[in-house]
Amino acid sequence: MAENKTRRMCFNINGLLGGILATVLLLAILVFLTIQAIAVQQANATNFYEIENPTSIQATSVDNAAKWVNK
């Protein structure tokens, strides 16, 4: 019977070490994106919309909606 001469190392890049590296890389990306999302949320949490003339806001009605639906 032919002898198997391929190296099967536990810490090969395709083995356990590769899985650990992929997991660490994905977690690092997750941490980076989470930190960026929190920074964006904090920067925009104090930017409020300013309504200049609140009395000019029209209530939703069937007549008001009909003129926008057919456009």
PDB file of N, CA and C in Angstrom:
ATOM      1  N   MET A   1       0.843  -1.172   0.000  1.00  0.00           N
ATOM      2  CA  MET A   1       0.000   0.000   0.000  1.00  0.00           C
ATOM      3  C   MET A   1       0.889   1.235   0.000  1.00  0.00           C
ATOM      4  N   ALA A   2       0.460   2.257  -0.751  1.00  0.00           N
ATOM      5  CA  ALA A   2       1.264   3.468  -0.867  1.00  0.00           C
ATOM      6  C   ALA A   2       1.176   4.282   0.417  1.00  0.00           C
ATOM      7  N   GLU A   3       2.316   4.832   0.787  1.00  0.00           N
ATOM      8  CA  GLU A   3       2.383   5.628   2.008  1.00  0.00           C
ATOM      9  C   GLU A   3       1.929   7.059   1.713  1.00  0.00           C
ATOM     10  N   ASN A   4       1.164   7.619   2.605  1.00  0.00           N
ATOM     11  CA  ASN A   4       0.701   8.999   2.447  1.00  0.00           C
ATOM     12  C   ASN A   4       1.826   9.934   2.866  1.00  0.00           C
ATOM     13  N   LYS A   5       2.362  10.697   1.925  1.00  0.00           N
ATOM     14  CA  LYS A   5       3.508  11.543   2.215  1.00  0.00           C
ATOM     15  C   LYS A   5       3.138  13.021   2.381  1.00  0.00           C
ATOM     16  N   THR A   6       1.853  13.333   2.396  1.00  0.00           N
ATOM     17  CA  THR A   6       1.459  14.730   2.594  1.00  0.00           C
ATOM     18  C   THR A   6       1.586  15.075   4.060  1.00  0.00           C
ATOM     19  N   ARG A   7       1.983  16.312   4.328  1.00  0.00           N
ATOM     20  CA  ARG A   7       2.144  16.763   5.711  1.00  0.00           C
ATOM     21  C   ARG A   7       0.796  17.229   6.231  1.00  0.00           C
ATOM     22  N   ARG A   8       0.395  16.696   7.337  1.00  0.00           N
ATOM     23  CA  ARG A   8      -0.860  17.084   7.963  1.00  0.00           C
ATOM     24  C   ARG A   8      -0.551  17.702   9.309  1.00  0.00           C
ATOM     25  N   MET A   9      -0.164  18.957   9.265  1.00  0.00           N
ATOM     26  CA  MET A   9       0.155  19.636  10.511  1.00  0.00           C
ATOM     27  C   MET A   9      -1.105  20.243  11.100  1.00  0.00           C
ATOM     28  N   CYS A  10      -1.156  20.226  12.410  1.00  0.00           N
ATOM     29  CA  CYS A  10      -2.306  20.792  13.105  1.00  0.00           C
ATOM     30  C   CYS A  10      -2.356  22.306  12.936  1.00  0.00           C
ATOM     31  N   PHE A  11      -1.197  22.966  12.869  1.00  0.00           N
ATOM     32  CA  PHE A  11      -1.139  24.422  12.773  1.00  0.00           C
ATOM     33  C   PHE A  11      -0.859  24.889  11.351  1.00  0.00           C
ATOM     34  N   ASN A  12      -1.317  24.150  10.387  1.00  0.00           N
ATOM     35  CA  ASN A  12      -1.203  24.558   9.001  1.00  0.00           C
ATOM     36  C   ASN A  12      -2.177  25.716   8.762  1.00  0.00           C
ATOM     37  N   ILE A  13      -1.913  26.544   7.736  1.00  0.00           N
ATOM     38  CA  ILE A  13      -2.768  27.698   7.475  1.00  0.00           C
ATOM     39  C   ILE A  13      -4.180  27.236   7.103  1.00  0.00           C
ATOM     40  N   ASN A  14      -4.318  26.029   6.625  1.00  0.00           N
ATOM     41  CA  ASN A  14      -5.635  25.497   6.290  1.00  0.00           C
ATOM     42  C   ASN A  14      -6.268  24.761   7.467  1.00  0.00           C
ATOM     43  N   GLY A  15      -5.568  24.661   8.540  1.00  0.00           N
ATOM     44  CA  GLY A  15      -6.073  23.894   9.663  1.00  0.00           C
ATOM     45  C   GLY A  15      -6.519  24.773  10.814  1.00  0.00           C
ATOM     46  N   LEU A  16      -6.059  24.439  11.993  1.00  0.00           N
ATOM     47  CA  LEU A  16      -6.471  25.132  13.206  1.00  0.00           C
ATOM     48  C   LEU A  16      -6.005  26.583  13.210  1.00  0.00           C
ATOM     49  N   LEU A  17      -4.772  26.836  12.810  1.00  0.00           N
ATOM     50  CA  LEU A  17      -4.256  28.202  12.782  1.00  0.00           C
ATOM     51  C   LEU A  17      -5.034  29.054  11.773  1.00  0.00           C
ATOM     52  N   GLY A  18      -5.376  28.498  10.645  1.00  0.00           N
ATOM     53  CA  GLY A  18      -6.175  29.223   9.650  1.00  0.00           C
ATOM     54  C   GLY A  18      -7.545  29.587  10.187  1.00  0.00           C
ATOM     55  N   GLY A  19      -8.163  28.685  10.922  1.00  0.00           N
ATOM     56  CA  GLY A  19      -9.462  28.976  11.525  1.00  0.00           C
ATOM     57  C   GLY A  19      -9.370  30.054  12.575  1.00  0.00           C
ATOM     58  N   ILE A  20      -8.313  30.007  13.369  1.00  0.00           N
ATOM     59  CA  ILE A  20      -8.111  31.024  14.406  1.00  0.00           C
ATOM     60  C   ILE A  20      -7.847  32.382  13.763  1.00  0.00           C
ATOM     61  N   LEU A  21      -7.006  32.410  12.724  1.00  0.00           N
ATOM     62  CA  LEU A  21      -6.729  33.672  12.038  1.00  0.00           C
ATOM     63  C   LEU A  21      -7.988  34.257  11.400  1.00  0.00           C
ATOM     64  N   ALA A  22      -8.795  33.427  10.786  1.00  0.00           N
ATOM     65  CA  ALA A  22     -10.032  33.901  10.170  1.00  0.00           C
ATOM     66  C   ALA A  22     -10.982  34.446  11.233  1.00  0.00           C
ATOM     67  N   THR A  23     -11.081  33.780  12.359  1.00  0.00           N
ATOM     68  CA  THR A  23     -11.957  34.230  13.442  1.00  0.00           C
ATOM     69  C   THR A  23     -11.485  35.553  14.016  1.00  0.00           C
ATOM     70  N   VAL A  24     -10.180  35.681  14.244  1.00  0.00           N
ATOM     71  CA  VAL A  24      -9.634  36.930  14.781  1.00  0.00           C
ATOM     72  C   VAL A  24      -9.834  38.064  13.786  1.00  0.00           C
ATOM     73  N   LEU A  25      -9.636  37.804  12.510  1.00  0.00           N
ATOM     74  CA  LEU A  25      -9.830  38.828  11.488  1.00  0.00           C
ATOM     75  C   LEU A  25     -11.288  39.280  11.447  1.00  0.00           C
ATOM     76  N   LEU A  26     -12.217  38.365  11.476  1.00  0.00           N
ATOM     77  CA  LEU A  26     -13.636  38.719  11.458  1.00  0.00           C
ATOM     78  C   LEU A  26     -14.038  39.491  12.710  1.00  0.00           C
ATOM     79  N   LEU A  27     -13.517  39.101  13.859  1.00  0.00           N
ATOM     80  CA  LEU A  27     -13.823  39.830  15.092  1.00  0.00           C
ATOM     81  C   LEU A  27     -13.226  41.230  15.067  1.00  0.00           C
ATOM     82  N   ALA A  28     -12.045  41.383  14.493  1.00  0.00           N
ATOM     83  CA  ALA A  28     -11.434  42.707  14.386  1.00  0.00           C
ATOM     84  C   ALA A  28     -12.255  43.608  13.476  1.00  0.00           C
ATOM     85  N   ILE A  29     -12.740  43.071  12.365  1.00  0.00           N
ATOM     86  CA  ILE A  29     -13.600  43.844  11.473  1.00  0.00           C
ATOM     87  C   ILE A  29     -14.888  44.232  12.182  1.00  0.00           C
ATOM     88  N   LEU A  30     -15.462  43.309  12.933  1.00  0.00           N
ATOM     89  CA  LEU A  30     -16.687  43.582  13.679  1.00  0.00           C
ATOM     90  C   LEU A  30     -16.481  44.686  14.704  1.00  0.00           C
ATOM     91  N   VAL A  31     -15.363  44.650  15.430  1.00  0.00           N
ATOM     92  CA  VAL A  31     -15.068  45.671  16.437  1.00  0.00           C
ATOM     93  C   VAL A  31     -14.882  47.025  15.760  1.00  0.00           C
ATOM     94  N   PHE A  32     -14.149  47.064  14.649  1.00  0.00           N
ATOM     95  CA  PHE A  32     -13.914  48.315  13.936  1.00  0.00           C
ATOM     96  C   PHE A  32     -15.224  48.928  13.455  1.00  0.00           C
ATOM     97  N   LEU A  33     -16.080  48.128  12.830  1.00  0.00           N
ATOM     98  CA  LEU A  33     -17.341  48.651  12.319  1.00  0.00           C
ATOM     99  C   LEU A  33     -18.278  49.079  13.441  1.00  0.00           C
ATOM    100  N   THR A  34     -18.251  48.380  14.564  1.00  0.00           N
ATOM    101  CA  THR A  34     -19.079  48.759  15.709  1.00  0.00           C
ATOM    102  C   THR A  34     -18.631  50.092  16.281  1.00  0.00           C
ATOM    103  N   ILE A  35     -17.325  50.282  16.407  1.00  0.00           N
ATOM    104  CA  ILE A  35     -16.802  51.552  16.923  1.00  0.00           C
ATOM    105  C   ILE A  35     -17.157  52.691  15.978  1.00  0.00           C
ATOM    106  N   GLN A  36     -17.052  52.456  14.669  1.00  0.00           N
ATOM    107  CA  GLN A  36     -17.409  53.493  13.700  1.00  0.00           C
ATOM    108  C   GLN A  36     -18.897  53.821  13.754  1.00  0.00           C
ATOM    109  N   ALA A  37     -19.738  52.818  13.930  1.00  0.00           N
ATOM    110  CA  ALA A  37     -21.183  53.047  14.007  1.00  0.00           C
ATOM    111  C   ALA A  37     -21.543  53.841  15.262  1.00  0.00           C
ATOM    112  N   ILE A  38     -20.898  53.545  16.367  1.00  0.00           N
ATOM    113  CA  ILE A  38     -21.148  54.296  17.603  1.00  0.00           C
ATOM    114  C   ILE A  38     -20.693  55.740  17.445  1.00  0.00           C
ATOM    115  N   ALA A  39     -19.563  55.957  16.800  1.00  0.00           N
ATOM    116  CA  ALA A  39     -19.066  57.324  16.589  1.00  0.00           C
ATOM    117  C   ALA A  39     -20.013  58.126  15.706  1.00  0.00           C
ATOM    118  N   VAL A  40     -20.542  57.505  14.660  1.00  0.00           N
ATOM    119  CA  VAL A  40     -21.483  58.196  13.777  1.00  0.00           C
ATOM    120  C   VAL A  40     -22.766  58.518  14.532  1.00  0.00           C
ATOM    121  N   GLN A  41     -23.239  57.583  15.333  1.00  0.00           N
ATOM    122  CA  GLN A  41     -24.463  57.812  16.109  1.00  0.00           C
ATOM    123  C   GLN A  41     -24.262  58.942  17.111  1.00  0.00           C
ATOM    124  N   GLN A  42     -23.139  58.985  17.772  1.00  0.00           N
ATOM    125  CA  GLN A  42     -22.884  60.034  18.747  1.00  0.00           C
ATOM    126  C   GLN A  42     -22.736  61.394  18.067  1.00  0.00           C
ATOM    127  N   ALA A  43     -22.147  61.427  16.896  1.00  0.00           N
ATOM    128  CA  ALA A  43     -21.975  62.695  16.194  1.00  0.00           C
ATOM    129  C   ALA A  43     -23.303  63.261  15.713  1.00  0.00           C
ATOM    130  N   ASN A  44     -24.233  62.388  15.359  1.00  0.00           N
ATOM    131  CA  ASN A  44     -25.504  62.838  14.811  1.00  0.00           C
ATOM    132  C   ASN A  44     -26.632  62.857  15.827  1.00  0.00           C
ATOM    133  N   ALA A  45     -26.369  62.500  17.056  1.00  0.00           N
ATOM    134  CA  ALA A  45     -27.422  62.476  18.069  1.00  0.00           C
ATOM    135  C   ALA A  45     -27.874  63.875  18.457  1.00  0.00           C
ATOM    136  N   THR A  46     -27.059  64.873  18.218  1.00  0.00           N
ATOM    137  CA  THR A  46     -27.422  66.239  18.588  1.00  0.00           C
ATOM    138  C   THR A  46     -27.845  67.080  17.392  1.00  0.00           C
ATOM    139  N   ASN A  47     -27.903  66.492  16.215  1.00  0.00           N
ATOM    140  CA  ASN A  47     -28.353  67.212  15.019  1.00  0.00           C
ATOM    141  C   ASN A  47     -29.851  66.991  14.847  1.00  0.00           C
ATOM    142  N   PHE A  48     -30.641  67.924  15.345  1.00  0.00           N
ATOM    143  CA  PHE A  48     -32.083  67.784  15.278  1.00  0.00           C
ATOM    144  C   PHE A  48     -32.622  68.517  14.059  1.00  0.00           C
ATOM    145  N   TYR A  49     -33.743  68.038  13.565  1.00  0.00           N
ATOM    146  CA  TYR A  49     -34.422  68.750  12.496  1.00  0.00           C
ATOM    147  C   TYR A  49     -35.057  70.002  13.083  1.00  0.00           C
ATOM    148  N   GLU A  50     -34.990  71.078  12.326  1.00  0.00           N
ATOM    149  CA  GLU A  50     -35.601  72.321  12.773  1.00  0.00           C
ATOM    150  C   GLU A  50     -36.779  72.631  11.869  1.00  0.00           C
ATOM    151  N   ILE A  51     -37.964  72.695  12.460  1.00  0.00           N
ATOM    152  CA  ILE A  51     -39.170  73.021  11.702  1.00  0.00           C
ATOM    153  C   ILE A  51     -39.351  74.522  11.776  1.00  0.00           C
ATOM    154  N   GLU A  52     -39.270  75.173  10.625  1.00  0.00           N
ATOM    155  CA  GLU A  52     -39.320  76.628  10.615  1.00  0.00           C
ATOM    156  C   GLU A  52     -40.732  77.164  10.806  1.00  0.00           C
ATOM    157  N   ASN A  53     -41.702  76.537  10.192  1.00  0.00           N
ATOM    158  CA  ASN A  53     -43.076  77.009  10.313  1.00  0.00           C
ATOM    159  C   ASN A  53     -43.991  75.808  10.555  1.00  0.00           C
ATOM    160  N   PRO A  54     -44.193  75.417  11.815  1.00  0.00           N
ATOM    161  CA  PRO A  54     -44.975  74.211  12.080  1.00  0.00           C
ATOM    162  C   PRO A  54     -46.453  74.342  11.725  1.00  0.00           C
ATOM    163  N   THR A  55     -46.962  75.561  11.586  1.00  0.00           N
ATOM    164  CA  THR A  55     -48.384  75.710  11.239  1.00  0.00           C
ATOM    165  C   THR A  55     -48.642  75.441   9.764  1.00  0.00           C
ATOM    166  N   SER A  56     -47.600  75.404   8.934  1.00  0.00           N
ATOM    167  CA  SER A  56     -47.800  75.156   7.505  1.00  0.00           C
ATOM    168  C   SER A  56     -47.800  73.672   7.148  1.00  0.00           C
ATOM    169  N   ILE A  57     -47.644  72.822   8.138  1.00  0.00           N
ATOM    170  CA  ILE A  57     -47.635  71.379   7.877  1.00  0.00           C
ATOM    171  C   ILE A  57     -49.059  70.920   7.630  1.00  0.00           C
ATOM    172  N   GLN A  58     -49.265  70.234   6.516  1.00  0.00           N
ATOM    173  CA  GLN A  58     -50.607  69.775   6.175  1.00  0.00           C
ATOM    174  C   GLN A  58     -50.832  68.386   6.728  1.00  0.00           C
ATOM    175  N   ALA A  59     -52.024  68.169   7.216  1.00  0.00           N
ATOM    176  CA  ALA A  59     -52.403  66.849   7.714  1.00  0.00           C
ATOM    177  C   ALA A  59     -52.622  65.911   6.530  1.00  0.00           C
ATOM    178  N   THR A  60     -52.421  64.642   6.742  1.00  0.00           N
ATOM    179  CA  THR A  60     -52.631  63.667   5.693  1.00  0.00           C
ATOM    180  C   THR A  60     -54.122  63.467   5.482  1.00  0.00           C
ATOM    181  N   SER A  61     -54.542  63.595   4.241  1.00  0.00           N
ATOM    182  CA  SER A  61     -55.943  63.362   3.914  1.00  0.00           C
ATOM    183  C   SER A  61     -56.010  62.643   2.578  1.00  0.00           C
ATOM    184  N   VAL A  62     -57.176  62.152   2.252  1.00  0.00           N
ATOM    185  CA  VAL A  62     -57.352  61.448   0.989  1.00  0.00           C
ATOM    186  C   VAL A  62     -57.146  62.414  -0.170  1.00  0.00           C
ATOM    187  N   ASP A  63     -57.635  63.627  -0.047  1.00  0.00           N
ATOM    188  CA  ASP A  63     -57.482  64.609  -1.120  1.00  0.00           C
ATOM    189  C   ASP A  63     -56.018  64.995  -1.307  1.00  0.00           C
ATOM    190  N   ASN A  64     -55.305  65.152  -0.213  1.00  0.00           N
ATOM    191  CA  ASN A  64     -53.900  65.537  -0.277  1.00  0.00           C
ATOM    192  C   ASN A  64     -53.055  64.401  -0.864  1.00  0.00           C
ATOM    193  N   ALA A  65     -53.366  63.165  -0.506  1.00  0.00           N
ATOM    194  CA  ALA A  65     -52.603  62.023  -1.005  1.00  0.00           C
ATOM    195  C   ALA A  65     -52.873  61.757  -2.469  1.00  0.00           C
ATOM    196  N   ALA A  66     -54.078  62.064  -2.937  1.00  0.00           N
ATOM    197  CA  ALA A  66     -54.452  61.742  -4.316  1.00  0.00           C
ATOM    198  C   ALA A  66     -53.628  62.543  -5.318  1.00  0.00           C
ATOM    199  N   LYS A  67     -53.263  63.760  -5.003  1.00  0.00           N
ATOM    200  CA  LYS A  67     -52.517  64.529  -5.979  1.00  0.00           C
ATOM    201  C   LYS A  67     -51.056  64.077  -6.094  1.00  0.00           C
ATOM    202  N   TRP A  68     -50.532  63.304  -5.145  1.00  0.00           N
ATOM    203  CA  TRP A  68     -49.157  62.807  -5.218  1.00  0.00           C
ATOM    204  C   TRP A  68     -49.103  61.393  -5.779  1.00  0.00           C
ATOM    205  N   VAL A  69     -50.167  60.644  -5.679  1.00  0.00           N
ATOM    206  CA  VAL A  69     -50.151  59.246  -6.128  1.00  0.00           C
ATOM    207  C   VAL A  69     -50.070  59.166  -7.646  1.00  0.00           C
ATOM    208  N   ASN A  70     -50.740  60.046  -8.351  1.00  0.00           N
ATOM    209  CA  ASN A  70     -50.833  59.967  -9.823  1.00  0.00           C
ATOM    210  C   ASN A  70     -49.651  60.613 -10.532  1.00  0.00           C
ATOM    211  N   LYS A  71     -48.648  61.065  -9.840  1.00  0.00           N
ATOM    212  CA  LYS A  71     -47.502  61.706 -10.495  1.00  0.00           C
ATOM    213  C   LYS A  71     -46.506  60.705 -10.985  1.00  0.00           C
TER     214      LYS A  71
END
